[in-house]
C-alpha cells in the first residue's frame, strides 16, 4: 500500500466509533473527492492492511465487527504516532528534559511509546540531535539543588489531580510542626526548585501552598475534589504574584519606590517585578534611576531588596524602608 493512498484513506475516516464507515461507504466517499476511482476489492485490501498490527506499531484503524458489514474508524493515538513530525518529536524530547527536573522524578526509567518514537525521530535528524544535545536548564540563583520529594508522594499528588480526588497528607511545616490534613488539590506549580500543591480544605477557604518535599506521606481519598467555582490556576498564579506568600491580607498591596544604581537596573529591566513597573530618570542624578511598582508584601520581598546591598535603596513606603534598615543593621551586628 502506497503512502499517499494510506493518507487519503485515513482522511476519510472519523475518530468516533459512532461515525465508523463500511467499505462501501469508504468507496463512495473516496469517489466523491478523488478523480481516480477506488474499487471495493482495493478498499478491502487497504482496510485489511490498516487494521493489522506490525512489529513496529499497532494498527491505525479500529474495526467494529459487531454487525454484518464491518465498520472502520481511526485509532487517533496511533495515527498521531505515525504522523509525528521532526518538530513535534523535538518538542516532546525537550519538554521531557524540562519536566524531568521536577514533575517526572518518579518516572526516570519509564518511557511510553510516543517518547520512544520521539527520541528515535530526533536521533535521525542532525538538526534535532544538535538542538537536543545543546539545550539545558540549570538551577537559578546560586545553583542550589532541588528539594527532594518522595516518589510515592509525587505520584499520589499527580493521581489526585488527574482523577479529581481528594488527598490525605502528613505534612511538616517550615517551622517543624506536624499536621495531618485532608485537602483538595488545585494543581501543582514548580518554582525555585520546589513543587507546590495549592490546595483547599473547603470551598470557601483560601488556597494553602503545600511544598511537596515537606509531605511525609500521602494517600488518595475516595471523595471528589472540591474545587472553588471558576478557579483558574494560571489566573491564581498571576494574582498571587507568582505564587508568593503574602504577609498581610491576600489583596493588600504596597506602592514600592526604589532608588537603583544604574549598573544594577538591568535586574529590574530584564525581569520586572510587575507588568506595571516603571523605570524613570532622577533629575540631577545620572548614577541612579527610580523604579516604581505596586506589589504585595510577600515573605521574600525584604530579603530580595537587601540582597542588592548598596545598589538599591528603598524610598517608600517608609515602614518597609525602616524594616530594611533594621534587617541590614542586624546583619552588620553579626560581623562586629
C-alpha atoms as a PDB file:
ATOM      1  CA  UNK A   1       0.000   0.000   0.000  1.00  0.00           C
ATOM      2  CA  UNK A   2       1.467   3.332  -1.069  1.00  0.00           C
ATOM      3  CA  UNK A   3       1.905   6.092   1.488  1.00  0.00           C
ATOM      4  CA  UNK A   4      -0.304   8.633  -0.321  1.00  0.00           C
ATOM      5  CA  UNK A   5      -3.079   6.052  -0.607  1.00  0.00           C
ATOM      6  CA  UNK A   6      -2.929   5.348   3.113  1.00  0.00           C
ATOM      7  CA  UNK A   7      -3.110   9.068   3.888  1.00  0.00           C
ATOM      8  CA  UNK A   8      -6.078   9.521   1.558  1.00  0.00           C
ATOM      9  CA  UNK A   9      -7.985   6.668   3.213  1.00  0.00           C
ATOM     10  CA  UNK A  10      -7.198   7.877   6.717  1.00  0.00           C
ATOM     11  CA  UNK A  11      -8.546  11.330   5.853  1.00  0.00           C
ATOM     12  CA  UNK A  12     -11.926   9.766   5.049  1.00  0.00           C
ATOM     13  CA  UNK A  13     -12.328   8.118   8.453  1.00  0.00           C
ATOM     14  CA  UNK A  14     -13.621   9.575  11.694  1.00  0.00           C
ATOM     15  CA  UNK A  15     -12.161   9.049  15.164  1.00  0.00           C
ATOM     16  CA  UNK A  16     -15.645   8.480  16.597  1.00  0.00           C
ATOM     17  CA  UNK A  17     -16.925   4.877  16.687  1.00  0.00           C
ATOM     18  CA  UNK A  18     -20.483   6.028  16.047  1.00  0.00           C
ATOM     19  CA  UNK A  19     -19.319   7.601  12.762  1.00  0.00           C
ATOM     20  CA  UNK A  20     -17.481   4.492  11.537  1.00  0.00           C
ATOM     21  CA  UNK A  21     -17.807   3.650   7.816  1.00  0.00           C
ATOM     22  CA  UNK A  22     -18.308   0.407   5.921  1.00  0.00           C
ATOM     23  CA  UNK A  23     -16.062  -0.461   2.970  1.00  0.00           C
ATOM     24  CA  UNK A  24     -18.795   0.587   0.543  1.00  0.00           C
ATOM     25  CA  UNK A  25     -19.238   3.912   2.324  1.00  0.00           C
ATOM     26  CA  UNK A  26     -15.467   4.462   2.156  1.00  0.00           C
ATOM     27  CA  UNK A  27     -15.511   3.735  -1.583  1.00  0.00           C
ATOM     28  CA  UNK A  28     -18.418   6.123  -2.155  1.00  0.00           C
ATOM     29  CA  UNK A  29     -16.756   8.879  -0.140  1.00  0.00           C
ATOM     30  CA  UNK A  30     -13.420   8.358  -1.944  1.00  0.00           C
ATOM     31  CA  UNK A  31     -15.021   8.536  -5.368  1.00  0.00           C
ATOM     32  CA  UNK A  32     -16.724  11.804  -4.486  1.00  0.00           C
ATOM     33  CA  UNK A  33     -13.458  13.589  -3.677  1.00  0.00           C
ATOM     34  CA  UNK A  34     -10.893  11.857  -5.924  1.00  0.00           C
ATOM     35  CA  UNK A  35     -10.678  11.705  -9.712  1.00  0.00           C
ATOM     36  CA  UNK A  36      -9.077   8.238  -9.536  1.00  0.00           C
ATOM     37  CA  UNK A  37     -11.775   5.704  -8.721  1.00  0.00           C
ATOM     38  CA  UNK A  38     -11.430   3.282  -5.845  1.00  0.00           C
ATOM     39  CA  UNK A  39     -12.787  -0.244  -6.261  1.00  0.00           C
ATOM     40  CA  UNK A  40     -14.331  -2.278  -3.472  1.00  0.00           C
ATOM     41  CA  UNK A  41     -11.679  -5.030  -3.553  1.00  0.00           C
ATOM     42  CA  UNK A  42      -8.885  -2.444  -3.422  1.00  0.00           C
ATOM     43  CA  UNK A  43     -10.588  -0.729  -0.496  1.00  0.00           C
ATOM     44  CA  UNK A  44     -10.934  -4.066   1.301  1.00  0.00           C
ATOM     45  CA  UNK A  45      -7.207  -4.673   0.874  1.00  0.00           C
ATOM     46  CA  UNK A  46      -6.395  -1.192   2.146  1.00  0.00           C
ATOM     47  CA  UNK A  47      -8.532  -1.660   5.249  1.00  0.00           C
ATOM     48  CA  UNK A  48      -7.010  -5.067   5.909  1.00  0.00           C
ATOM     49  CA  UNK A  49      -3.530  -3.529   5.913  1.00  0.00           C
ATOM     50  CA  UNK A  50      -4.516  -0.542   8.047  1.00  0.00           C
ATOM     51  CA  UNK A  51      -6.229  -2.785  10.612  1.00  0.00           C
ATOM     52  CA  UNK A  52      -3.206  -5.072  11.020  1.00  0.00           C
ATOM     53  CA  UNK A  53      -0.634  -4.716  13.761  1.00  0.00           C
ATOM     54  CA  UNK A  54       3.018  -4.700  12.746  1.00  0.00           C
ATOM     55  CA  UNK A  55       6.265  -5.258  14.578  1.00  0.00           C
ATOM     56  CA  UNK A  56       6.916  -1.507  14.678  1.00  0.00           C
ATOM     57  CA  UNK A  57       3.478  -0.251  15.701  1.00  0.00           C
ATOM     58  CA  UNK A  58      -0.160  -1.051  16.337  1.00  0.00           C
ATOM     59  CA  UNK A  59      -2.923  -0.805  13.751  1.00  0.00           C
ATOM     60  CA  UNK A  60      -4.018   2.648  12.644  1.00  0.00           C
ATOM     61  CA  UNK A  61      -7.648   1.694  12.112  1.00  0.00           C
ATOM     62  CA  UNK A  62     -10.083   0.063  14.529  1.00  0.00           C
ATOM     63  CA  UNK A  63     -12.742  -2.305  13.185  1.00  0.00           C
ATOM     64  CA  UNK A  64     -16.257  -2.724  14.536  1.00  0.00           C
ATOM     65  CA  UNK A  65     -17.221  -6.282  13.619  1.00  0.00           C
ATOM     66  CA  UNK A  66     -20.403  -6.407  15.695  1.00  0.00           C
ATOM     67  CA  UNK A  67     -22.550  -6.156  12.550  1.00  0.00           C
ATOM     68  CA  UNK A  68     -22.716  -7.954   9.211  1.00  0.00           C
ATOM     69  CA  UNK A  69     -20.961  -5.127   7.390  1.00  0.00           C
ATOM     70  CA  UNK A  70     -17.797  -4.281   9.280  1.00  0.00           C
ATOM     71  CA  UNK A  71     -17.200  -0.616  10.021  1.00  0.00           C
ATOM     72  CA  UNK A  72     -13.906   1.223  10.384  1.00  0.00           C
ATOM     73  CA  UNK A  73     -12.719   4.290  12.322  1.00  0.00           C
ATOM     74  CA  UNK A  74      -9.381   5.820  13.292  1.00  0.00           C
ATOM     75  CA  UNK A  75      -7.340   4.933  16.360  1.00  0.00           C
ATOM     76  CA  UNK A  76      -6.314   8.514  16.964  1.00  0.00           C
ATOM     77  CA  UNK A  77      -3.383   7.802  19.287  1.00  0.00           C
ATOM     78  CA  UNK A  78      -1.713   5.531  16.741  1.00  0.00           C
ATOM     79  CA  UNK A  79      -2.266   7.969  13.887  1.00  0.00           C
ATOM     80  CA  UNK A  80      -0.631  10.684  15.989  1.00  0.00           C
ATOM     81  CA  UNK A  81       2.413   8.453  16.455  1.00  0.00           C
ATOM     82  CA  UNK A  82       2.538   7.629  12.751  1.00  0.00           C
ATOM     83  CA  UNK A  83       2.433  11.269  11.682  1.00  0.00           C
ATOM     84  CA  UNK A  84       4.781  12.662  14.343  1.00  0.00           C
ATOM     85  CA  UNK A  85       6.943  15.285  12.658  1.00  0.00           C
ATOM     86  CA  UNK A  86      10.555  16.136  13.441  1.00  0.00           C
ATOM     87  CA  UNK A  87       9.430  19.373  15.118  1.00  0.00           C
ATOM     88  CA  UNK A  88       6.863  17.547  17.256  1.00  0.00           C
ATOM     89  CA  UNK A  89       9.420  14.940  18.223  1.00  0.00           C
ATOM     90  CA  UNK A  90      11.987  17.546  19.232  1.00  0.00           C
ATOM     91  CA  UNK A  91       9.447  19.462  21.323  1.00  0.00           C
ATOM     92  CA  UNK A  92       8.485  16.258  23.124  1.00  0.00           C
ATOM     93  CA  UNK A  93      12.104  15.348  23.834  1.00  0.00           C
ATOM     94  CA  UNK A  94      12.972  18.842  25.086  1.00  0.00           C
ATOM     95  CA  UNK A  95       9.781  19.071  27.146  1.00  0.00           C
ATOM     96  CA  UNK A  96      10.696  15.818  28.832  1.00  0.00           C
ATOM     97  CA  UNK A  97      14.104  17.234  29.742  1.00  0.00           C
ATOM     98  CA  UNK A  98      12.423  20.239  31.367  1.00  0.00           C
ATOM     99  CA  UNK A  99       9.780  18.235  33.208  1.00  0.00           C
ATOM    100  CA  UNK A 100      12.243  15.583  34.345  1.00  0.00           C
ATOM    101  CA  UNK A 101      13.796  18.152  36.694  1.00  0.00           C
ATOM    102  CA  UNK A 102      10.613  18.250  38.733  1.00  0.00           C
ATOM    103  CA  UNK A 103       7.363  16.528  37.793  1.00  0.00           C
ATOM    104  CA  UNK A 104       8.852  13.318  36.372  1.00  0.00           C
ATOM    105  CA  UNK A 105      11.190  12.466  39.224  1.00  0.00           C
ATOM    106  CA  UNK A 106       9.288   9.229  39.733  1.00  0.00           C
ATOM    107  CA  UNK A 107       9.384   8.270  36.042  1.00  0.00           C
ATOM    108  CA  UNK A 108      13.086   8.497  35.215  1.00  0.00           C
ATOM    109  CA  UNK A 109      13.295   4.943  33.946  1.00  0.00           C
ATOM    110  CA  UNK A 110       9.873   4.773  32.318  1.00  0.00           C
ATOM    111  CA  UNK A 111       9.152   5.526  28.682  1.00  0.00           C
ATOM    112  CA  UNK A 112       5.888   5.404  26.800  1.00  0.00           C
ATOM    113  CA  UNK A 113       5.753   4.529  23.080  1.00  0.00           C
ATOM    114  CA  UNK A 114       5.413   8.174  21.995  1.00  0.00           C
ATOM    115  CA  UNK A 115       8.565   9.143  23.875  1.00  0.00           C
ATOM    116  CA  UNK A 116      10.487   6.316  22.238  1.00  0.00           C
ATOM    117  CA  UNK A 117       9.214   7.343  18.801  1.00  0.00           C
ATOM    118  CA  UNK A 118      10.133  10.978  19.501  1.00  0.00           C
ATOM    119  CA  UNK A 119      13.640  10.041  20.624  1.00  0.00           C
ATOM    120  CA  UNK A 120      14.096   7.843  17.569  1.00  0.00           C
ATOM    121  CA  UNK A 121      12.962  10.581  15.161  1.00  0.00           C
ATOM    122  CA  UNK A 122      15.130  13.178  16.908  1.00  0.00           C
ATOM    123  CA  UNK A 123      18.155  10.884  16.772  1.00  0.00           C
ATOM    124  CA  UNK A 124      17.721  10.504  12.997  1.00  0.00           C
ATOM    125  CA  UNK A 125      17.748  14.263  12.395  1.00  0.00           C
ATOM    126  CA  UNK A 126      21.066  16.131  12.553  1.00  0.00           C
ATOM    127  CA  UNK A 127      19.284  19.423  13.352  1.00  0.00           C
ATOM    128  CA  UNK A 128      17.154  17.898  16.113  1.00  0.00           C
ATOM    129  CA  UNK A 129      20.115  15.988  17.513  1.00  0.00           C
ATOM    130  CA  UNK A 130      22.216  19.146  17.800  1.00  0.00           C
ATOM    131  CA  UNK A 131      19.412  21.101  19.457  1.00  0.00           C
ATOM    132  CA  UNK A 132      18.657  18.301  21.896  1.00  0.00           C
ATOM    133  CA  UNK A 133      22.336  17.942  22.810  1.00  0.00           C
ATOM    134  CA  UNK A 134      22.905  21.691  23.102  1.00  0.00           C
ATOM    135  CA  UNK A 135      19.953  22.860  25.239  1.00  0.00           C
ATOM    136  CA  UNK A 136      19.897  22.570  29.030  1.00  0.00           C
ATOM    137  CA  UNK A 137      18.106  24.137  32.004  1.00  0.00           C
ATOM    138  CA  UNK A 138      20.043  24.601  35.238  1.00  0.00           C
ATOM    139  CA  UNK A 139      19.165  25.833  38.710  1.00  0.00           C
ATOM    140  CA  UNK A 140      18.524  29.538  39.182  1.00  0.00           C
ATOM    141  CA  UNK A 141      20.389  31.806  41.579  1.00  0.00           C
ATOM    142  CA  UNK A 142      23.482  30.341  43.247  1.00  0.00           C
ATOM    143  CA  UNK A 143      22.729  26.848  41.961  1.00  0.00           C
ATOM    144  CA  UNK A 144      21.085  25.143  44.924  1.00  0.00           C
ATOM    145  CA  UNK A 145      19.846  21.631  44.248  1.00  0.00           C
ATOM    146  CA  UNK A 146      16.151  20.884  44.031  1.00  0.00           C
ATOM    147  CA  UNK A 147      14.267  19.811  47.120  1.00  0.00           C
ATOM    148  CA  UNK A 148      13.973  16.020  47.387  1.00  0.00           C
ATOM    149  CA  UNK A 149      10.429  14.698  47.004  1.00  0.00           C
ATOM    150  CA  UNK A 150       9.344  11.154  47.810  1.00  0.00           C
ATOM    151  CA  UNK A 151       8.408   9.341  44.607  1.00  0.00           C
ATOM    152  CA  UNK A 152       5.219   7.928  46.121  1.00  0.00           C
ATOM    153  CA  UNK A 153       4.144  11.401  47.267  1.00  0.00           C
ATOM    154  CA  UNK A 154       4.663  12.917  43.819  1.00  0.00           C
ATOM    155  CA  UNK A 155       2.840  10.004  42.161  1.00  0.00           C
ATOM    156  CA  UNK A 156      -0.071  10.291  44.606  1.00  0.00           C
ATOM    157  CA  UNK A 157      -0.367  14.051  44.067  1.00  0.00           C
ATOM    158  CA  UNK A 158      -0.394  13.607  40.282  1.00  0.00           C
ATOM    159  CA  UNK A 159      -3.027  10.876  40.536  1.00  0.00           C
ATOM    160  CA  UNK A 160      -5.228  13.033  42.780  1.00  0.00           C
ATOM    161  CA  UNK A 161      -5.162  15.886  40.266  1.00  0.00           C
ATOM    162  CA  UNK A 162      -5.633  13.590  37.267  1.00  0.00           C
ATOM    163  CA  UNK A 163      -8.625  11.774  38.786  1.00  0.00           C
ATOM    164  CA  UNK A 164     -10.186  14.714  40.639  1.00  0.00           C
ATOM    165  CA  UNK A 165      -9.902  13.141  44.082  1.00  0.00           C
ATOM    166  CA  UNK A 166      -9.020  14.484  47.494  1.00  0.00           C
ATOM    167  CA  UNK A 167      -5.729  13.605  49.147  1.00  0.00           C
ATOM    168  CA  UNK A 168      -4.807  13.000  52.789  1.00  0.00           C
ATOM    169  CA  UNK A 169      -1.303  14.047  53.722  1.00  0.00           C
ATOM    170  CA  UNK A 170       1.101  14.107  56.662  1.00  0.00           C
ATOM    171  CA  UNK A 171       2.853  17.450  56.428  1.00  0.00           C
ATOM    172  CA  UNK A 172       5.717  19.128  58.255  1.00  0.00           C
ATOM    173  CA  UNK A 173       5.622  22.926  58.158  1.00  0.00           C
ATOM    174  CA  UNK A 174       8.711  25.085  57.634  1.00  0.00           C
ATOM    175  CA  UNK A 175       8.741  25.633  61.420  1.00  0.00           C
ATOM    176  CA  UNK A 176       8.735  21.888  62.103  1.00  0.00           C
ATOM    177  CA  UNK A 177       5.094  21.447  63.131  1.00  0.00           C
ATOM    178  CA  UNK A 178       3.479  18.169  62.017  1.00  0.00           C
ATOM    179  CA  UNK A 179      -0.085  18.179  60.723  1.00  0.00           C
ATOM    180  CA  UNK A 180      -2.388  15.613  59.108  1.00  0.00           C
ATOM    181  CA  UNK A 181      -4.798  17.141  56.638  1.00  0.00           C
ATOM    182  CA  UNK A 182      -7.361  16.116  54.020  1.00  0.00           C
ATOM    183  CA  UNK A 183      -7.305  18.597  51.133  1.00  0.00           C
ATOM    184  CA  UNK A 184      -8.498  19.201  47.586  1.00  0.00           C
ATOM    185  CA  UNK A 185      -5.511  19.844  45.270  1.00  0.00           C
ATOM    186  CA  UNK A 186      -5.943  22.703  42.804  1.00  0.00           C
ATOM    187  CA  UNK A 187      -2.831  21.867  40.779  1.00  0.00           C
ATOM    188  CA  UNK A 188       0.952  21.757  41.082  1.00  0.00           C
ATOM    189  CA  UNK A 189       3.438  24.536  40.388  1.00  0.00           C
ATOM    190  CA  UNK A 190       7.226  24.197  40.135  1.00  0.00           C
ATOM    191  CA  UNK A 191       9.021  27.276  41.477  1.00  0.00           C
ATOM    192  CA  UNK A 192      12.593  27.895  42.634  1.00  0.00           C
ATOM    193  CA  UNK A 193      13.488  24.214  42.858  1.00  0.00           C
ATOM    194  CA  UNK A 194      10.330  23.309  44.775  1.00  0.00           C
ATOM    195  CA  UNK A 195       6.975  21.897  43.701  1.00  0.00           C
ATOM    196  CA  UNK A 196       3.993  23.450  45.457  1.00  0.00           C
ATOM    197  CA  UNK A 197       0.489  21.976  45.529  1.00  0.00           C
ATOM    198  CA  UNK A 198      -2.042  24.787  46.104  1.00  0.00           C
ATOM    199  CA  UNK A 199      -4.948  23.151  47.940  1.00  0.00           C
ATOM    200  CA  UNK A 200      -8.088  23.983  49.910  1.00  0.00           C
ATOM    201  CA  UNK A 201      -9.859  22.211  52.750  1.00  0.00           C
ATOM    202  CA  UNK A 202     -13.284  23.603  51.874  1.00  0.00           C
ATOM    203  CA  UNK A 203     -14.815  25.582  49.028  1.00  0.00           C
ATOM    204  CA  UNK A 204     -14.643  28.887  50.924  1.00  0.00           C
ATOM    205  CA  UNK A 205     -11.036  28.521  52.079  1.00  0.00           C
ATOM    206  CA  UNK A 206      -8.068  30.362  50.628  1.00  0.00           C
ATOM    207  CA  UNK A 207      -5.506  28.096  48.932  1.00  0.00           C
ATOM    208  CA  UNK A 208      -2.572  26.870  51.014  1.00  0.00           C
ATOM    209  CA  UNK A 209       0.669  26.144  49.164  1.00  0.00           C
ATOM    210  CA  UNK A 210       1.880  22.730  50.329  1.00  0.00           C
ATOM    211  CA  UNK A 211       5.525  22.085  49.415  1.00  0.00           C
ATOM    212  CA  UNK A 212       5.712  18.502  48.213  1.00  0.00           C
ATOM    213  CA  UNK A 213       9.132  17.885  49.787  1.00  0.00           C
ATOM    214  CA  UNK A 214       7.590  18.555  53.216  1.00  0.00           C
ATOM    215  CA  UNK A 215       4.909  15.887  52.729  1.00  0.00           C
ATOM    216  CA  UNK A 216       5.960  12.764  54.645  1.00  0.00           C
ATOM    217  CA  UNK A 217       3.163  10.545  53.320  1.00  0.00           C
ATOM    218  CA  UNK A 218       0.106  10.909  51.095  1.00  0.00           C
ATOM    219  CA  UNK A 219      -2.880   8.771  50.164  1.00  0.00           C
ATOM    220  CA  UNK A 220      -5.851   9.184  47.859  1.00  0.00           C
ATOM    221  CA  UNK A 221      -9.260   9.682  49.414  1.00  0.00           C
ATOM    222  CA  UNK A 222     -12.326   8.302  47.654  1.00  0.00           C
ATOM    223  CA  UNK A 223     -14.042  11.675  47.668  1.00  0.00           C
ATOM    224  CA  UNK A 224     -14.450  14.107  44.771  1.00  0.00           C
ATOM    225  CA  UNK A 225     -12.138  17.092  44.744  1.00  0.00           C
ATOM    226  CA  UNK A 226     -13.815  20.327  45.923  1.00  0.00           C
ATOM    227  CA  UNK A 227     -12.586  22.996  43.529  1.00  0.00           C
ATOM    228  CA  UNK A 228     -13.845  26.562  44.034  1.00  0.00           C
ATOM    229  CA  UNK A 229     -16.155  27.740  41.274  1.00  0.00           C
ATOM    230  CA  UNK A 230     -14.387  29.404  38.325  1.00  0.00           C
ATOM    231  CA  UNK A 231     -10.945  28.672  39.783  1.00  0.00           C
ATOM    232  CA  UNK A 232      -8.213  29.111  37.170  1.00  0.00           C
ATOM    233  CA  UNK A 233      -4.670  28.063  38.088  1.00  0.00           C
ATOM    234  CA  UNK A 234      -2.953  30.482  35.693  1.00  0.00           C
ATOM    235  CA  UNK A 235      -5.020  33.422  36.943  1.00  0.00           C
ATOM    236  CA  UNK A 236      -4.329  32.429  40.534  1.00  0.00           C
ATOM    237  CA  UNK A 237      -0.557  32.288  39.903  1.00  0.00           C
ATOM    238  CA  UNK A 238      -0.656  35.777  38.408  1.00  0.00           C
ATOM    239  CA  UNK A 239      -2.910  37.184  41.134  1.00  0.00           C
ATOM    240  CA  UNK A 240      -0.703  35.726  43.882  1.00  0.00           C
ATOM    241  CA  UNK A 241       2.415  37.369  42.411  1.00  0.00           C
ATOM    242  CA  UNK A 242       3.805  34.119  41.011  1.00  0.00           C
ATOM    243  CA  UNK A 243       2.661  32.048  43.994  1.00  0.00           C
ATOM    244  CA  UNK A 244       4.332  34.290  46.592  1.00  0.00           C
ATOM    245  CA  UNK A 245       3.468  34.082  50.270  1.00  0.00           C
ATOM    246  CA  UNK A 246       1.734  37.299  51.296  1.00  0.00           C
ATOM    247  CA  UNK A 247       2.474  38.615  54.800  1.00  0.00           C
ATOM    248  CA  UNK A 248      -0.792  40.536  55.131  1.00  0.00           C
ATOM    249  CA  UNK A 249      -4.252  40.105  53.627  1.00  0.00           C
ATOM    250  CA  UNK A 250      -4.178  38.441  50.201  1.00  0.00           C
ATOM    251  CA  UNK A 251      -5.322  41.584  48.407  1.00  0.00           C
ATOM    252  CA  UNK A 252      -3.070  44.077  50.245  1.00  0.00           C
ATOM    253  CA  UNK A 253      -0.595  45.918  48.020  1.00  0.00           C
ATOM    254  CA  UNK A 254       2.212  48.422  48.538  1.00  0.00           C
ATOM    255  CA  UNK A 255       3.488  51.172  46.247  1.00  0.00           C
ATOM    256  CA  UNK A 256       7.206  50.431  46.156  1.00  0.00           C
ATOM    257  CA  UNK A 257       9.709  53.155  45.208  1.00  0.00           C
ATOM    258  CA  UNK A 258      13.357  52.207  44.783  1.00  0.00           C
ATOM    259  CA  UNK A 259      16.472  54.238  44.041  1.00  0.00           C
ATOM    260  CA  UNK A 260      18.549  51.862  41.938  1.00  0.00           C
ATOM    261  CA  UNK A 261      22.156  52.193  40.827  1.00  0.00           C
ATOM    262  CA  UNK A 262      22.295  52.446  37.033  1.00  0.00           C
ATOM    263  CA  UNK A 263      24.709  49.493  36.917  1.00  0.00           C
ATOM    264  CA  UNK A 264      22.144  47.276  38.667  1.00  0.00           C
ATOM    265  CA  UNK A 265      18.957  48.438  36.959  1.00  0.00           C
ATOM    266  CA  UNK A 266      19.147  45.572  34.443  1.00  0.00           C
ATOM    267  CA  UNK A 267      17.884  43.273  37.196  1.00  0.00           C
ATOM    268  CA  UNK A 268      14.579  45.151  37.114  1.00  0.00           C
ATOM    269  CA  UNK A 269      14.551  45.971  33.391  1.00  0.00           C
ATOM    270  CA  UNK A 270      15.087  42.374  32.280  1.00  0.00           C
ATOM    271  CA  UNK A 271      12.873  40.740  34.919  1.00  0.00           C
ATOM    272  CA  UNK A 272      10.257  43.288  36.070  1.00  0.00           C
ATOM    273  CA  UNK A 273       8.525  42.880  39.419  1.00  0.00           C
ATOM    274  CA  UNK A 274       5.207  43.530  37.649  1.00  0.00           C
ATOM    275  CA  UNK A 275       3.904  44.327  34.189  1.00  0.00           C
ATOM    276  CA  UNK A 276       3.055  47.841  35.517  1.00  0.00           C
ATOM    277  CA  UNK A 277       6.595  48.505  36.741  1.00  0.00           C
ATOM    278  CA  UNK A 278       8.007  51.911  35.713  1.00  0.00           C
ATOM    279  CA  UNK A 279      11.647  52.945  35.422  1.00  0.00           C
ATOM    280  CA  UNK A 280      12.419  56.663  35.130  1.00  0.00           C
ATOM    281  CA  UNK A 281      15.384  59.017  35.389  1.00  0.00           C
ATOM    282  CA  UNK A 282      16.119  61.010  38.533  1.00  0.00           C
ATOM    283  CA  UNK A 283      16.670  64.703  37.862  1.00  0.00           C
ATOM    284  CA  UNK A 284      20.238  65.725  38.617  1.00  0.00           C
ATOM    285  CA  UNK A 285      21.373  62.151  39.338  1.00  0.00           C
ATOM    286  CA  UNK A 286      22.911  60.285  36.403  1.00  0.00           C
ATOM    287  CA  UNK A 287      24.105  57.401  38.577  1.00  0.00           C
ATOM    288  CA  UNK A 288      20.677  56.204  39.687  1.00  0.00           C
ATOM    289  CA  UNK A 289      17.161  55.601  38.361  1.00  0.00           C
ATOM    290  CA  UNK A 290      13.760  55.441  40.039  1.00  0.00           C
ATOM    291  CA  UNK A 291      11.876  52.128  39.965  1.00  0.00           C
ATOM    292  CA  UNK A 292       8.175  52.258  40.885  1.00  0.00           C
ATOM    293  CA  UNK A 293       5.919  49.231  41.133  1.00  0.00           C
ATOM    294  CA  UNK A 294       2.865  48.021  43.039  1.00  0.00           C
ATOM    295  CA  UNK A 295       3.489  44.634  44.678  1.00  0.00           C
ATOM    296  CA  UNK A 296       2.101  42.558  47.551  1.00  0.00           C
ATOM    297  CA  UNK A 297       4.108  42.486  50.810  1.00  0.00           C
ATOM    298  CA  UNK A 298       5.486  38.975  50.450  1.00  0.00           C
ATOM    299  CA  UNK A 299       7.828  36.951  52.640  1.00  0.00           C
ATOM    300  CA  UNK A 300      10.753  37.252  50.242  1.00  0.00           C
ATOM    301  CA  UNK A 301      10.400  40.948  49.393  1.00  0.00           C
ATOM    302  CA  UNK A 302      12.715  42.294  52.131  1.00  0.00           C
ATOM    303  CA  UNK A 303      15.415  39.615  51.638  1.00  0.00           C
ATOM    304  CA  UNK A 304      15.282  40.335  47.889  1.00  0.00           C
ATOM    305  CA  UNK A 305      15.803  44.073  48.394  1.00  0.00           C
ATOM    306  CA  UNK A 306      18.539  43.550  50.991  1.00  0.00           C
ATOM    307  CA  UNK A 307      20.404  41.188  48.639  1.00  0.00           C
ATOM    308  CA  UNK A 308      21.294  44.152  46.382  1.00  0.00           C
ATOM    309  CA  UNK A 309      23.256  45.859  49.160  1.00  0.00           C
ATOM    310  CA  UNK A 310      24.265  49.413  48.284  1.00  0.00           C
ATOM    311  CA  UNK A 311      22.871  49.115  44.741  1.00  0.00           C
ATOM    312  CA  UNK A 312      19.240  49.543  45.869  1.00  0.00           C
ATOM    313  CA  UNK A 313      17.736  51.999  48.363  1.00  0.00           C
ATOM    314  CA  UNK A 314      14.112  51.681  49.475  1.00  0.00           C
ATOM    315  CA  UNK A 315      12.469  55.120  49.397  1.00  0.00           C
ATOM    316  CA  UNK A 316       8.833  54.170  50.039  1.00  0.00           C
ATOM    317  CA  UNK A 317       6.845  53.001  51.840  1.00  0.00           C
ATOM    318  CA  UNK A 318       8.547  54.350  54.941  1.00  0.00           C
ATOM    319  CA  UNK A 319       7.552  51.330  57.033  1.00  0.00           C
ATOM    320  CA  UNK A 320       9.270  48.966  54.617  1.00  0.00           C
ATOM    321  CA  UNK A 321      12.274  51.301  54.426  1.00  0.00           C
ATOM    322  CA  UNK A 322      12.703  51.102  58.206  1.00  0.00           C
ATOM    323  CA  UNK A 323      12.276  47.306  58.196  1.00  0.00           C
ATOM    324  CA  UNK A 324      15.030  47.025  55.575  1.00  0.00           C
ATOM    325  CA  UNK A 325      17.275  49.314  57.669  1.00  0.00           C
ATOM    326  CA  UNK A 326      16.655  47.108  60.731  1.00  0.00           C
ATOM    327  CA  UNK A 327      17.468  43.976  58.768  1.00  0.00           C
ATOM    328  CA  UNK A 328      20.703  45.466  57.436  1.00  0.00           C
ATOM    329  CA  UNK A 329      21.749  46.683  60.888  1.00  0.00           C
ATOM    330  CA  UNK A 330      21.075  43.244  62.350  1.00  0.00           C
ATOM    331  CA  UNK A 331      23.198  41.684  59.633  1.00  0.00           C
ATOM    332  CA  UNK A 332      26.063  44.107  60.282  1.00  0.00           C
ATOM    333  CA  UNK A 333      25.827  43.367  64.031  1.00  0.00           C
ATOM    334  CA  UNK A 334      26.601  39.700  63.338  1.00  0.00           C
ATOM    335  CA  UNK A 335      30.028  40.630  61.961  1.00  0.00           C
ATOM    336  CA  UNK A 336      31.116  43.004  64.745  1.00  0.00           C
END
